[in-house]
Amino acid sequence: MRIAIYGAGSLGTVLGAYLTKNGIPVDLINHNRDHVEALKKNGARITGTVDFTVPVSALLPEEMSGKYDIIFLMTKQLNNREVVSDLKKYMTDDALIVTLQNGIPEDSIAEIVGPEHTIGVVVEWGATLSAPGESTLTSEPDSLSFHMGGMPGITEEQLQKVKEVLEKMCPVEIEPNLPGARWSKLLINSTFSGLGTIIGGTFGDVTGDPLGREIAVRCMKEIIDVGHAAGVEFAPVQGKNITALFYWTNPVKKAVARTILPVAMKKHAAIEPSMLQDLKRGKPCEVDAINGVVCDWGRKKGVPTPVNDRIAEIIRDIQSGKRKTGKENLKEF
């Protein structure tokens, strides 16, 4: 079985290192020449909450050849149509595109390769690309997990095949409610990646700031309201019912949500938002695929989304150079 990780950046390097270390051969594919050359020369170095180095197979996209049975897609969604269309020529007849991207990418991928070839995976941990060939794992080792589910036409056998591969890194739960799992991850990303990006800090920097916590619980309620209007039943996140924990309808429940927020995010406090990582590198970020999705669904369903609207607006201003990151941005909510 041939496996590729296409877009082996911060998260993909960690995944590829774990799979290789635990006996699953995999090609790590990335456009960043310096990163690929470092992987080829020195192996994948994983630091942070763990520390190990493992020799890996690394390729530039133009070095790809042959066909793969599983392609883990870990690029940004910005160029999905072009990227997935190009990947079709590297797929065997029964190959699977397994998207570990943010947002809700499955439908657009299924339009290109077919739903019977499309599996979605929610990544419940974080990492930062700290140097060419080196990724820093920012979640605690005992808090790593995946949620996965298939599009219509995906068989139980196909799900189990992918599950067995991913379990070489950490626990995997097959989620019958894939939309619910996606929206739960969207809630986490929109809130903590969104707010972390505008202040220029980590998830823990958001939960450690009183105003950050206040805006976070408002953001979470807003997303749950939008999701419910869209008919979504939010799936548990690592066994936690996030709607029960963070959906509030009165000042007392709101205060409880603010209080438990730092505890709930403790094991992921060191995560640096992927959008912030992109902005630091001068690259366009995925705000339209994260907070932008909430705003779009809010407009469709007639649910106001002032917090997500403002987060998206500030991030776009930072991206265009109109403003800088910093906690002073929190005062605009």
C-alpha atoms as a PDB file:
ATOM      1  CA  MET A   1       0.000   0.000   0.000  1.00  0.00           C
ATOM      2  CA  ARG A   2       1.482   3.357  -1.060  1.00  0.00           C
ATOM      3  CA  ILE A   3       0.701   6.353   1.144  1.00  0.00           C
ATOM      4  CA  ALA A   4       1.467  10.050   0.699  1.00  0.00           C
ATOM      5  CA  ILE A   5       1.067  13.109   2.880  1.00  0.00           C
ATOM      6  CA  TYR A   6       0.524  15.989   0.478  1.00  0.00           C
ATOM      7  CA  GLY A   7       1.261  19.285   2.176  1.00  0.00           C
ATOM      8  CA  ALA A   8       3.622  17.928   4.820  1.00  0.00           C
ATOM      9  CA  GLY A   9       4.118  21.145   6.771  1.00  0.00           C
ATOM     10  CA  SER A  10       3.776  21.532  10.526  1.00  0.00           C
ATOM     11  CA  LEU A  11       1.104  18.870  11.111  1.00  0.00           C
ATOM     12  CA  GLY A  12       2.028  16.669   8.164  1.00  0.00           C
ATOM     13  CA  THR A  13       5.655  16.414   9.243  1.00  0.00           C
ATOM     14  CA  VAL A  14       4.560  15.220  12.687  1.00  0.00           C
ATOM     15  CA  LEU A  15       2.135  12.701  11.212  1.00  0.00           C
ATOM     16  CA  GLY A  16       4.704  11.456   8.712  1.00  0.00           C
ATOM     17  CA  ALA A  17       7.347  11.072  11.401  1.00  0.00           C
ATOM     18  CA  TYR A  18       5.046   9.049  13.649  1.00  0.00           C
ATOM     19  CA  LEU A  19       3.872   6.792  10.807  1.00  0.00           C
ATOM     20  CA  THR A  20       7.427   6.159   9.596  1.00  0.00           C
ATOM     21  CA  LYS A  21       8.710   5.581  13.131  1.00  0.00           C
ATOM     22  CA  ASN A  22       5.965   3.010  13.700  1.00  0.00           C
ATOM     23  CA  GLY A  23       6.488   1.020  10.525  1.00  0.00           C
ATOM     24  CA  ILE A  24       4.238   2.679   7.931  1.00  0.00           C
ATOM     25  CA  PRO A  25       6.206   3.833   4.847  1.00  0.00           C
ATOM     26  CA  VAL A  26       4.915   7.208   3.648  1.00  0.00           C
ATOM     27  CA  ASP A  27       6.068   9.941   1.262  1.00  0.00           C
ATOM     28  CA  LEU A  28       6.091  13.465   2.748  1.00  0.00           C
ATOM     29  CA  ILE A  29       5.384  15.916  -0.090  1.00  0.00           C
ATOM     30  CA  ASN A  30       5.784  19.676   0.191  1.00  0.00           C
ATOM     31  CA  HIS A  31       6.456  22.678  -2.082  1.00  0.00           C
ATOM     32  CA  ASN A  32       8.998  24.160   0.351  1.00  0.00           C
ATOM     33  CA  ARG A  33      12.341  23.126  -1.144  1.00  0.00           C
ATOM     34  CA  ASP A  34      14.372  23.943   1.988  1.00  0.00           C
ATOM     35  CA  HIS A  35      12.012  21.884   4.130  1.00  0.00           C
ATOM     36  CA  VAL A  36      12.120  18.906   1.762  1.00  0.00           C
ATOM     37  CA  GLU A  37      15.906  19.039   1.467  1.00  0.00           C
ATOM     38  CA  ALA A  38      16.262  19.122   5.271  1.00  0.00           C
ATOM     39  CA  LEU A  39      13.902  16.143   5.596  1.00  0.00           C
ATOM     40  CA  LYS A  40      15.940  14.214   3.027  1.00  0.00           C
ATOM     41  CA  LYS A  41      19.260  15.053   4.640  1.00  0.00           C
ATOM     42  CA  ASN A  42      18.488  14.966   8.363  1.00  0.00           C
ATOM     43  CA  GLY A  43      15.134  13.216   8.714  1.00  0.00           C
ATOM     44  CA  ALA A  44      12.043  14.613  10.428  1.00  0.00           C
ATOM     45  CA  ARG A  45      12.879  16.167  13.785  1.00  0.00           C
ATOM     46  CA  ILE A  46       9.906  16.426  16.172  1.00  0.00           C
ATOM     47  CA  THR A  47      10.335  18.584  19.260  1.00  0.00           C
ATOM     48  CA  GLY A  48       8.094  20.284  21.808  1.00  0.00           C
ATOM     49  CA  THR A  49       6.143  17.902  23.999  1.00  0.00           C
ATOM     50  CA  VAL A  50       8.129  15.001  22.487  1.00  0.00           C
ATOM     51  CA  ASP A  51      11.662  14.712  21.130  1.00  0.00           C
ATOM     52  CA  PHE A  52      12.711  12.322  18.365  1.00  0.00           C
ATOM     53  CA  THR A  53      14.169  12.250  14.864  1.00  0.00           C
ATOM     54  CA  VAL A  54      13.355   9.689  12.196  1.00  0.00           C
ATOM     55  CA  PRO A  55      14.596   9.256   8.596  1.00  0.00           C
ATOM     56  CA  VAL A  56      11.717   9.889   6.161  1.00  0.00           C
ATOM     57  CA  SER A  57      10.964   9.810   2.442  1.00  0.00           C
ATOM     58  CA  ALA A  58      10.438  13.413   1.302  1.00  0.00           C
ATOM     59  CA  LEU A  59       9.562  14.741  -2.145  1.00  0.00           C
ATOM     60  CA  LEU A  60       8.803  17.934  -3.985  1.00  0.00           C
ATOM     61  CA  PRO A  61       5.505  17.712  -5.931  1.00  0.00           C
ATOM     62  CA  GLU A  62       7.405  17.533  -9.220  1.00  0.00           C
ATOM     63  CA  GLU A  63       9.270  14.470  -7.912  1.00  0.00           C
ATOM     64  CA  MET A  64       6.066  12.448  -7.436  1.00  0.00           C
ATOM     65  CA  SER A  65       5.599   9.346  -9.562  1.00  0.00           C
ATOM     66  CA  GLY A  66       3.349   6.325  -9.705  1.00  0.00           C
ATOM     67  CA  LYS A  67       0.041   6.001  -7.910  1.00  0.00           C
ATOM     68  CA  TYR A  68      -1.001   6.015  -4.264  1.00  0.00           C
ATOM     69  CA  ASP A  69      -3.672   4.107  -2.357  1.00  0.00           C
ATOM     70  CA  ILE A  70      -4.100   6.786   0.341  1.00  0.00           C
ATOM     71  CA  ILE A  71      -3.288  10.472   0.021  1.00  0.00           C
ATOM     72  CA  PHE A  72      -3.536  12.471   3.239  1.00  0.00           C
ATOM     73  CA  LEU A  73      -4.308  16.014   2.121  1.00  0.00           C
ATOM     74  CA  MET A  74      -2.857  18.602   4.511  1.00  0.00           C
ATOM     75  CA  THR A  75      -2.487  21.708   2.340  1.00  0.00           C
ATOM     76  CA  LYS A  76      -4.489  24.887   2.949  1.00  0.00           C
ATOM     77  CA  GLN A  77      -7.903  24.919   1.284  1.00  0.00           C
ATOM     78  CA  LEU A  78      -7.078  28.024  -0.766  1.00  0.00           C
ATOM     79  CA  ASN A  79      -6.128  26.043  -3.895  1.00  0.00           C
ATOM     80  CA  ASN A  80      -8.110  22.860  -3.325  1.00  0.00           C
ATOM     81  CA  ARG A  81      -9.677  22.650  -6.777  1.00  0.00           C
ATOM     82  CA  GLU A  82      -6.335  22.907  -8.534  1.00  0.00           C
ATOM     83  CA  VAL A  83      -4.479  20.677  -6.069  1.00  0.00           C
ATOM     84  CA  VAL A  84      -7.053  17.864  -5.890  1.00  0.00           C
ATOM     85  CA  SER A  85      -7.584  17.880  -9.656  1.00  0.00           C
ATOM     86  CA  ASP A  86      -3.831  17.421 -10.101  1.00  0.00           C
ATOM     87  CA  LEU A  87      -3.689  14.633  -7.506  1.00  0.00           C
ATOM     88  CA  LYS A  88      -6.186  12.530  -9.464  1.00  0.00           C
ATOM     89  CA  LYS A  89      -3.410  11.290 -11.750  1.00  0.00           C
ATOM     90  CA  TYR A  90      -1.580   9.875  -8.729  1.00  0.00           C
ATOM     91  CA  MET A  91      -4.584   7.898  -7.444  1.00  0.00           C
ATOM     92  CA  THR A  92      -5.156   4.190  -7.957  1.00  0.00           C
ATOM     93  CA  ASP A  93      -8.652   3.190  -9.086  1.00  0.00           C
ATOM     94  CA  ASP A  94      -9.841   2.694  -5.508  1.00  0.00           C
ATOM     95  CA  ALA A  95      -7.606   5.331  -3.858  1.00  0.00           C
ATOM     96  CA  LEU A  96      -8.764   7.559  -1.040  1.00  0.00           C
ATOM     97  CA  ILE A  97      -8.236  11.267  -0.534  1.00  0.00           C
ATOM     98  CA  VAL A  98      -8.218  11.738   3.240  1.00  0.00           C
ATOM     99  CA  THR A  99      -8.530  15.424   4.058  1.00  0.00           C
ATOM    100  CA  LEU A 100      -7.155  16.636   7.381  1.00  0.00           C
ATOM    101  CA  GLN A 101      -7.753  20.273   6.449  1.00  0.00           C
ATOM    102  CA  ASN A 102      -9.522  22.922   8.502  1.00  0.00           C
ATOM    103  CA  GLY A 103     -13.065  24.060   7.805  1.00  0.00           C
ATOM    104  CA  ILE A 104     -15.541  21.857   5.943  1.00  0.00           C
ATOM    105  CA  PRO A 105     -13.639  20.681   2.842  1.00  0.00           C
ATOM    106  CA  GLU A 106     -15.201  17.300   2.051  1.00  0.00           C
ATOM    107  CA  ASP A 107     -17.943  18.418  -0.339  1.00  0.00           C
ATOM    108  CA  SER A 108     -15.612  20.359  -2.634  1.00  0.00           C
ATOM    109  CA  ILE A 109     -13.125  17.453  -2.734  1.00  0.00           C
ATOM    110  CA  ALA A 110     -15.897  14.927  -3.417  1.00  0.00           C
ATOM    111  CA  GLU A 111     -17.003  17.009  -6.400  1.00  0.00           C
ATOM    112  CA  ILE A 112     -13.609  16.332  -7.996  1.00  0.00           C
ATOM    113  CA  VAL A 113     -12.729  12.748  -7.032  1.00  0.00           C
ATOM    114  CA  GLY A 114     -16.150  11.418  -6.025  1.00  0.00           C
ATOM    115  CA  PRO A 115     -17.647  10.914  -2.549  1.00  0.00           C
ATOM    116  CA  GLU A 116     -16.696   7.226  -2.682  1.00  0.00           C
ATOM    117  CA  HIS A 117     -13.045   8.355  -2.610  1.00  0.00           C
ATOM    118  CA  THR A 118     -13.371  11.023   0.090  1.00  0.00           C
ATOM    119  CA  ILE A 119     -12.772  10.671   3.834  1.00  0.00           C
ATOM    120  CA  GLY A 120     -12.637  13.535   6.348  1.00  0.00           C
ATOM    121  CA  VAL A 121     -10.427  13.584   9.431  1.00  0.00           C
ATOM    122  CA  VAL A 122     -10.564  16.105  12.264  1.00  0.00           C
ATOM    123  CA  VAL A 123      -7.140  16.735  13.801  1.00  0.00           C
ATOM    124  CA  GLU A 124      -7.377  17.310  17.555  1.00  0.00           C
ATOM    125  CA  TRP A 125      -3.812  18.478  18.223  1.00  0.00           C
ATOM    126  CA  GLY A 126      -1.469  21.221  17.073  1.00  0.00           C
ATOM    127  CA  ALA A 127       2.065  21.769  15.804  1.00  0.00           C
ATOM    128  CA  THR A 128       4.308  24.542  14.481  1.00  0.00           C
ATOM    129  CA  LEU A 129       6.939  24.287  11.753  1.00  0.00           C
ATOM    130  CA  SER A 130       9.907  25.632  13.700  1.00  0.00           C
ATOM    131  CA  ALA A 131      12.696  25.142  11.099  1.00  0.00           C
ATOM    132  CA  PRO A 132      13.249  23.304   7.813  1.00  0.00           C
ATOM    133  CA  GLY A 133      12.796  19.635   8.631  1.00  0.00           C
ATOM    134  CA  GLU A 134      11.663  20.351  12.198  1.00  0.00           C
ATOM    135  CA  SER A 135       8.156  20.561  13.626  1.00  0.00           C
ATOM    136  CA  THR A 136       7.232  21.395  17.208  1.00  0.00           C
ATOM    137  CA  LEU A 137       4.351  19.387  18.670  1.00  0.00           C
ATOM    138  CA  THR A 138       2.405  21.820  20.861  1.00  0.00           C
ATOM    139  CA  SER A 139      -0.234  19.471  22.325  1.00  0.00           C
ATOM    140  CA  GLU A 140       0.484  17.082  25.180  1.00  0.00           C
ATOM    141  CA  PRO A 141       1.169  13.498  24.024  1.00  0.00           C
ATOM    142  CA  ASP A 142      -1.789  12.121  25.994  1.00  0.00           C
ATOM    143  CA  SER A 143      -4.179  14.560  24.296  1.00  0.00           C
ATOM    144  CA  LEU A 144      -3.537  13.556  20.665  1.00  0.00           C
ATOM    145  CA  SER A 145      -6.473  12.117  18.721  1.00  0.00           C
ATOM    146  CA  PHE A 146      -8.310  12.008  15.394  1.00  0.00           C
ATOM    147  CA  HIS A 147     -12.012  11.903  14.532  1.00  0.00           C
ATOM    148  CA  MET A 148     -12.819  10.547  11.083  1.00  0.00           C
ATOM    149  CA  GLY A 149     -15.799   9.815   8.881  1.00  0.00           C
ATOM    150  CA  GLY A 150     -16.595   9.057   5.271  1.00  0.00           C
ATOM    151  CA  MET A 151     -18.691  10.608   2.562  1.00  0.00           C
ATOM    152  CA  PRO A 152     -21.584   8.585   1.051  1.00  0.00           C
ATOM    153  CA  GLY A 153     -20.196   5.513  -0.689  1.00  0.00           C
ATOM    154  CA  ILE A 154     -17.272   5.029   1.693  1.00  0.00           C
ATOM    155  CA  THR A 155     -17.317   1.513   3.127  1.00  0.00           C
ATOM    156  CA  GLU A 156     -16.566   0.356   6.645  1.00  0.00           C
ATOM    157  CA  GLU A 157     -13.573  -1.523   5.236  1.00  0.00           C
ATOM    158  CA  GLN A 158     -12.145   1.700   3.774  1.00  0.00           C
ATOM    159  CA  LEU A 159     -12.624   3.550   7.062  1.00  0.00           C
ATOM    160  CA  GLN A 160     -10.913   0.764   8.982  1.00  0.00           C
ATOM    161  CA  LYS A 161      -7.974   0.782   6.543  1.00  0.00           C
ATOM    162  CA  VAL A 162      -7.348   4.496   7.142  1.00  0.00           C
ATOM    163  CA  LYS A 163      -8.015   4.131  10.876  1.00  0.00           C
ATOM    164  CA  GLU A 164      -5.331   1.445  11.186  1.00  0.00           C
ATOM    165  CA  VAL A 165      -2.808   3.774   9.555  1.00  0.00           C
ATOM    166  CA  LEU A 166      -3.621   6.820  11.695  1.00  0.00           C
ATOM    167  CA  GLU A 167      -3.632   4.743  14.885  1.00  0.00           C
ATOM    168  CA  LYS A 168       0.115   4.355  14.406  1.00  0.00           C
ATOM    169  CA  MET A 169       0.240   7.920  15.757  1.00  0.00           C
ATOM    170  CA  CYS A 170      -2.650   8.251  18.230  1.00  0.00           C
ATOM    171  CA  PRO A 171      -6.214   7.125  19.013  1.00  0.00           C
ATOM    172  CA  VAL A 172      -8.770   7.399  16.215  1.00  0.00           C
ATOM    173  CA  GLU A 173     -12.532   7.494  16.585  1.00  0.00           C
ATOM    174  CA  ILE A 174     -14.756   6.742  13.610  1.00  0.00           C
ATOM    175  CA  GLU A 175     -17.435   9.395  13.772  1.00  0.00           C
ATOM    176  CA  PRO A 176     -20.803   8.610  12.145  1.00  0.00           C
ATOM    177  CA  ASN A 177     -21.645  12.290  12.546  1.00  0.00           C
ATOM    178  CA  LEU A 178     -18.875  13.745  10.355  1.00  0.00           C
ATOM    179  CA  PRO A 179     -20.612  17.135   9.903  1.00  0.00           C
ATOM    180  CA  GLY A 180     -20.943  17.384  13.693  1.00  0.00           C
ATOM    181  CA  ALA A 181     -17.243  16.614  14.166  1.00  0.00           C
ATOM    182  CA  ARG A 182     -16.321  19.179  11.522  1.00  0.00           C
ATOM    183  CA  TRP A 183     -18.437  21.877  13.169  1.00  0.00           C
ATOM    184  CA  SER A 184     -16.977  21.096  16.582  1.00  0.00           C
ATOM    185  CA  LYS A 185     -13.467  21.564  15.161  1.00  0.00           C
ATOM    186  CA  LEU A 186     -14.667  24.692  13.330  1.00  0.00           C
ATOM    187  CA  LEU A 187     -15.853  26.046  16.690  1.00  0.00           C
ATOM    188  CA  ILE A 188     -12.404  25.491  18.232  1.00  0.00           C
ATOM    189  CA  ASN A 189     -10.544  26.909  15.224  1.00  0.00           C
ATOM    190  CA  SER A 190     -12.781  29.924  14.714  1.00  0.00           C
ATOM    191  CA  THR A 191     -12.579  30.834  18.382  1.00  0.00           C
ATOM    192  CA  PHE A 192      -9.002  30.089  19.375  1.00  0.00           C
ATOM    193  CA  SER A 193      -7.189  30.225  16.061  1.00  0.00           C
ATOM    194  CA  GLY A 194      -9.181  33.347  15.183  1.00  0.00           C
ATOM    195  CA  LEU A 195      -8.592  35.186  18.447  1.00  0.00           C
ATOM    196  CA  GLY A 196      -5.047  33.857  18.809  1.00  0.00           C
ATOM    197  CA  THR A 197      -4.241  35.235  15.373  1.00  0.00           C
ATOM    198  CA  ILE A 198      -5.535  38.737  16.036  1.00  0.00           C
ATOM    199  CA  ILE A 199      -3.580  39.011  19.307  1.00  0.00           C
ATOM    200  CA  GLY A 200      -0.500  37.294  17.872  1.00  0.00           C
ATOM    201  CA  GLY A 201      -0.463  34.547  20.498  1.00  0.00           C
ATOM    202  CA  THR A 202      -1.294  30.967  21.415  1.00  0.00           C
ATOM    203  CA  PHE A 203      -4.551  29.343  22.457  1.00  0.00           C
ATOM    204  CA  GLY A 204      -3.349  29.761  26.045  1.00  0.00           C
ATOM    205  CA  ASP A 205      -2.794  33.478  25.517  1.00  0.00           C
ATOM    206  CA  VAL A 206      -6.477  33.747  24.617  1.00  0.00           C
ATOM    207  CA  THR A 207      -7.729  31.788  27.630  1.00  0.00           C
ATOM    208  CA  GLY A 208      -5.270  33.569  29.933  1.00  0.00           C
ATOM    209  CA  ASP A 209      -6.680  37.003  29.137  1.00  0.00           C
ATOM    210  CA  PRO A 210      -9.960  38.077  30.840  1.00  0.00           C
ATOM    211  CA  LEU A 211     -11.190  39.973  27.780  1.00  0.00           C
ATOM    212  CA  GLY A 212     -10.038  37.124  25.546  1.00  0.00           C
ATOM    213  CA  ARG A 213     -12.129  34.649  27.567  1.00  0.00           C
ATOM    214  CA  GLU A 214     -15.163  36.937  27.383  1.00  0.00           C
ATOM    215  CA  ILE A 215     -14.945  37.240  23.605  1.00  0.00           C
ATOM    216  CA  ALA A 216     -14.206  33.508  23.271  1.00  0.00           C
ATOM    217  CA  VAL A 217     -17.394  32.410  25.032  1.00  0.00           C
ATOM    218  CA  ARG A 218     -19.405  34.887  22.956  1.00  0.00           C
ATOM    219  CA  CYS A 219     -17.784  33.493  19.812  1.00  0.00           C
ATOM    220  CA  MET A 220     -18.516  29.899  20.815  1.00  0.00           C
ATOM    221  CA  LYS A 221     -22.181  30.603  21.524  1.00  0.00           C
ATOM    222  CA  GLU A 222     -22.470  32.368  18.170  1.00  0.00           C
ATOM    223  CA  ILE A 223     -21.055  29.366  16.306  1.00  0.00           C
ATOM    224  CA  ILE A 224     -23.303  26.925  18.152  1.00  0.00           C
ATOM    225  CA  ASP A 225     -26.330  29.077  17.271  1.00  0.00           C
ATOM    226  CA  VAL A 226     -25.322  29.069  13.603  1.00  0.00           C
ATOM    227  CA  GLY A 227     -24.636  25.336  13.607  1.00  0.00           C
ATOM    228  CA  HIS A 228     -27.983  24.543  15.202  1.00  0.00           C
ATOM    229  CA  ALA A 229     -29.754  26.741  12.641  1.00  0.00           C
ATOM    230  CA  ALA A 230     -27.982  24.705   9.945  1.00  0.00           C
ATOM    231  CA  GLY A 231     -29.259  21.457  11.488  1.00  0.00           C
ATOM    232  CA  VAL A 232     -25.911  20.396  12.948  1.00  0.00           C
ATOM    233  CA  GLU A 233     -25.579  18.218  16.033  1.00  0.00           C
ATOM    234  CA  PHE A 234     -22.150  19.050  17.430  1.00  0.00           C
ATOM    235  CA  ALA A 235     -20.019  15.955  18.067  1.00  0.00           C
ATOM    236  CA  PRO A 236     -18.014  15.517  21.288  1.00  0.00           C
ATOM    237  CA  VAL A 237     -14.395  16.676  21.257  1.00  0.00           C
ATOM    238  CA  GLN A 238     -12.094  14.147  22.961  1.00  0.00           C
ATOM    239  CA  GLY A 239     -15.096  12.888  24.908  1.00  0.00           C
ATOM    240  CA  LYS A 240     -16.265  16.360  25.983  1.00  0.00           C
ATOM    241  CA  ASN A 241     -19.723  17.693  25.073  1.00  0.00           C
ATOM    242  CA  ILE A 242     -18.738  21.214  24.080  1.00  0.00           C
ATOM    243  CA  THR A 243     -22.285  22.493  23.708  1.00  0.00           C
ATOM    244  CA  ALA A 244     -23.098  21.383  27.264  1.00  0.00           C
ATOM    245  CA  LEU A 245     -19.917  23.015  28.543  1.00  0.00           C
ATOM    246  CA  PHE A 246     -19.931  26.271  26.620  1.00  0.00           C
ATOM    247  CA  TYR A 247     -23.432  27.074  25.411  1.00  0.00           C
ATOM    248  CA  TRP A 248     -24.918  29.672  27.718  1.00  0.00           C
ATOM    249  CA  THR A 249     -28.278  31.425  27.905  1.00  0.00           C
ATOM    250  CA  ASN A 250     -27.891  33.514  31.068  1.00  0.00           C
ATOM    251  CA  PRO A 251     -25.133  35.371  32.975  1.00  0.00           C
ATOM    252  CA  VAL A 252     -24.508  32.498  35.404  1.00  0.00           C
ATOM    253  CA  LYS A 253     -23.898  29.917  32.655  1.00  0.00           C
ATOM    254  CA  LYS A 254     -21.774  32.443  30.802  1.00  0.00           C
ATOM    255  CA  ALA A 255     -19.609  32.980  33.893  1.00  0.00           C
ATOM    256  CA  VAL A 256     -19.196  29.211  34.302  1.00  0.00           C
ATOM    257  CA  ALA A 257     -18.128  28.891  30.655  1.00  0.00           C
ATOM    258  CA  ARG A 258     -15.527  31.636  31.124  1.00  0.00           C
ATOM    259  CA  THR A 259     -14.199  29.951  34.267  1.00  0.00           C
ATOM    260  CA  ILE A 260     -13.737  26.465  32.815  1.00  0.00           C
ATOM    261  CA  LEU A 261     -12.269  27.662  29.519  1.00  0.00           C
ATOM    262  CA  PRO A 262      -8.581  27.667  30.639  1.00  0.00           C
ATOM    263  CA  VAL A 263      -8.999  24.211  32.195  1.00  0.00           C
ATOM    264  CA  ALA A 264     -10.619  22.782  29.061  1.00  0.00           C
ATOM    265  CA  MET A 265      -7.836  24.107  26.817  1.00  0.00           C
ATOM    266  CA  LYS A 266      -4.925  23.414  29.187  1.00  0.00           C
ATOM    267  CA  LYS A 267      -3.361  20.549  27.208  1.00  0.00           C
ATOM    268  CA  HIS A 268      -3.556  22.563  24.001  1.00  0.00           C
ATOM    269  CA  ALA A 269      -2.561  25.950  25.442  1.00  0.00           C
ATOM    270  CA  ALA A 270       0.754  26.051  23.552  1.00  0.00           C
ATOM    271  CA  ILE A 271      -0.851  25.728  20.107  1.00  0.00           C
ATOM    272  CA  GLU A 272       0.080  28.583  17.810  1.00  0.00           C
ATOM    273  CA  PRO A 273      -2.770  29.219  15.320  1.00  0.00           C
ATOM    274  CA  SER A 274      -2.070  28.029  11.797  1.00  0.00           C
ATOM    275  CA  MET A 275      -3.418  31.337  10.478  1.00  0.00           C
ATOM    276  CA  LEU A 276      -0.891  33.218  12.591  1.00  0.00           C
ATOM    277  CA  GLN A 277       1.895  30.949  11.340  1.00  0.00           C
ATOM    278  CA  ASP A 278       0.901  31.794   7.769  1.00  0.00           C
ATOM    279  CA  LEU A 279       0.801  35.536   8.417  1.00  0.00           C
ATOM    280  CA  LYS A 280       4.248  35.423  10.035  1.00  0.00           C
ATOM    281  CA  ARG A 281       5.582  33.826   6.849  1.00  0.00           C
ATOM    282  CA  GLY A 282       3.882  36.389   4.631  1.00  0.00           C
ATOM    283  CA  LYS A 283       1.479  33.794   3.240  1.00  0.00           C
ATOM    284  CA  PRO A 284      -2.304  34.196   2.784  1.00  0.00           C
ATOM    285  CA  CYS A 285      -4.226  32.485   5.584  1.00  0.00           C
ATOM    286  CA  GLU A 286      -7.408  30.422   5.690  1.00  0.00           C
ATOM    287  CA  VAL A 287      -9.731  32.884   7.385  1.00  0.00           C
ATOM    288  CA  ASP A 288     -12.390  32.397   4.681  1.00  0.00           C
ATOM    289  CA  ALA A 289     -12.352  28.630   5.340  1.00  0.00           C
ATOM    290  CA  ILE A 290     -12.579  29.097   9.121  1.00  0.00           C
ATOM    291  CA  ASN A 291     -14.373  32.173  10.517  1.00  0.00           C
ATOM    292  CA  GLY A 292     -15.612  32.964   7.020  1.00  0.00           C
ATOM    293  CA  VAL A 293     -17.552  29.690   6.907  1.00  0.00           C
ATOM    294  CA  VAL A 294     -19.393  30.628  10.121  1.00  0.00           C
ATOM    295  CA  CYS A 295     -20.239  34.054   8.697  1.00  0.00           C
ATOM    296  CA  ASP A 296     -21.478  32.553   5.411  1.00  0.00           C
ATOM    297  CA  TRP A 297     -23.722  30.049   7.178  1.00  0.00           C
ATOM    298  CA  GLY A 298     -24.974  32.752   9.513  1.00  0.00           C
ATOM    299  CA  ARG A 299     -26.100  34.828   6.542  1.00  0.00           C
ATOM    300  CA  LYS A 300     -27.748  31.776   4.936  1.00  0.00           C
ATOM    301  CA  LYS A 301     -29.687  30.965   8.095  1.00  0.00           C
ATOM    302  CA  GLY A 302     -30.406  34.517   9.286  1.00  0.00           C
ATOM    303  CA  VAL A 303     -28.241  34.214  12.426  1.00  0.00           C
ATOM    304  CA  PRO A 304     -26.138  37.305  13.265  1.00  0.00           C
ATOM    305  CA  THR A 305     -22.390  36.636  13.549  1.00  0.00           C
ATOM    306  CA  PRO A 306     -20.883  39.925  14.793  1.00  0.00           C
ATOM    307  CA  VAL A 307     -17.965  38.295  16.657  1.00  0.00           C
ATOM    308  CA  ASN A 308     -16.858  36.129  13.731  1.00  0.00           C
ATOM    309  CA  ASP A 309     -17.429  39.010  11.313  1.00  0.00           C
ATOM    310  CA  ARG A 310     -15.082  41.176  13.364  1.00  0.00           C
ATOM    311  CA  ILE A 311     -12.456  38.435  13.772  1.00  0.00           C
ATOM    312  CA  ALA A 312     -12.430  37.869  10.000  1.00  0.00           C
ATOM    313  CA  GLU A 313     -12.262  41.610   9.322  1.00  0.00           C
ATOM    314  CA  ILE A 314      -9.300  42.133  11.675  1.00  0.00           C
ATOM    315  CA  ILE A 315      -7.405  39.133  10.262  1.00  0.00           C
ATOM    316  CA  ARG A 316      -7.912  40.406   6.709  1.00  0.00           C
ATOM    317  CA  ASP A 317      -6.643  43.825   7.818  1.00  0.00           C
ATOM    318  CA  ILE A 318      -3.544  42.201   9.352  1.00  0.00           C
ATOM    319  CA  GLN A 319      -2.994  40.198   6.193  1.00  0.00           C
ATOM    320  CA  SER A 320      -3.219  43.310   4.001  1.00  0.00           C
ATOM    321  CA  GLY A 321      -0.876  45.281   6.287  1.00  0.00           C
ATOM    322  CA  LYS A 322      -3.536  47.698   7.529  1.00  0.00           C
ATOM    323  CA  ARG A 323      -3.012  46.713  11.158  1.00  0.00           C
ATOM    324  CA  LYS A 324      -0.762  44.609  13.379  1.00  0.00           C
ATOM    325  CA  THR A 325      -1.429  41.716  15.732  1.00  0.00           C
ATOM    326  CA  GLY A 326      -1.780  42.549  19.416  1.00  0.00           C
ATOM    327  CA  LYS A 327      -4.123  42.394  22.393  1.00  0.00           C
ATOM    328  CA  GLU A 328      -5.334  45.921  21.630  1.00  0.00           C
ATOM    329  CA  ASN A 329      -7.405  44.305  18.854  1.00  0.00           C
ATOM    330  CA  LEU A 330      -9.603  42.719  21.541  1.00  0.00           C
ATOM    331  CA  LYS A 331     -10.908  46.170  22.463  1.00  0.00           C
ATOM    332  CA  GLU A 332     -12.772  46.340  19.149  1.00  0.00           C
ATOM    333  CA  PHE A 333     -15.361  43.738  20.142  1.00  0.00           C
END
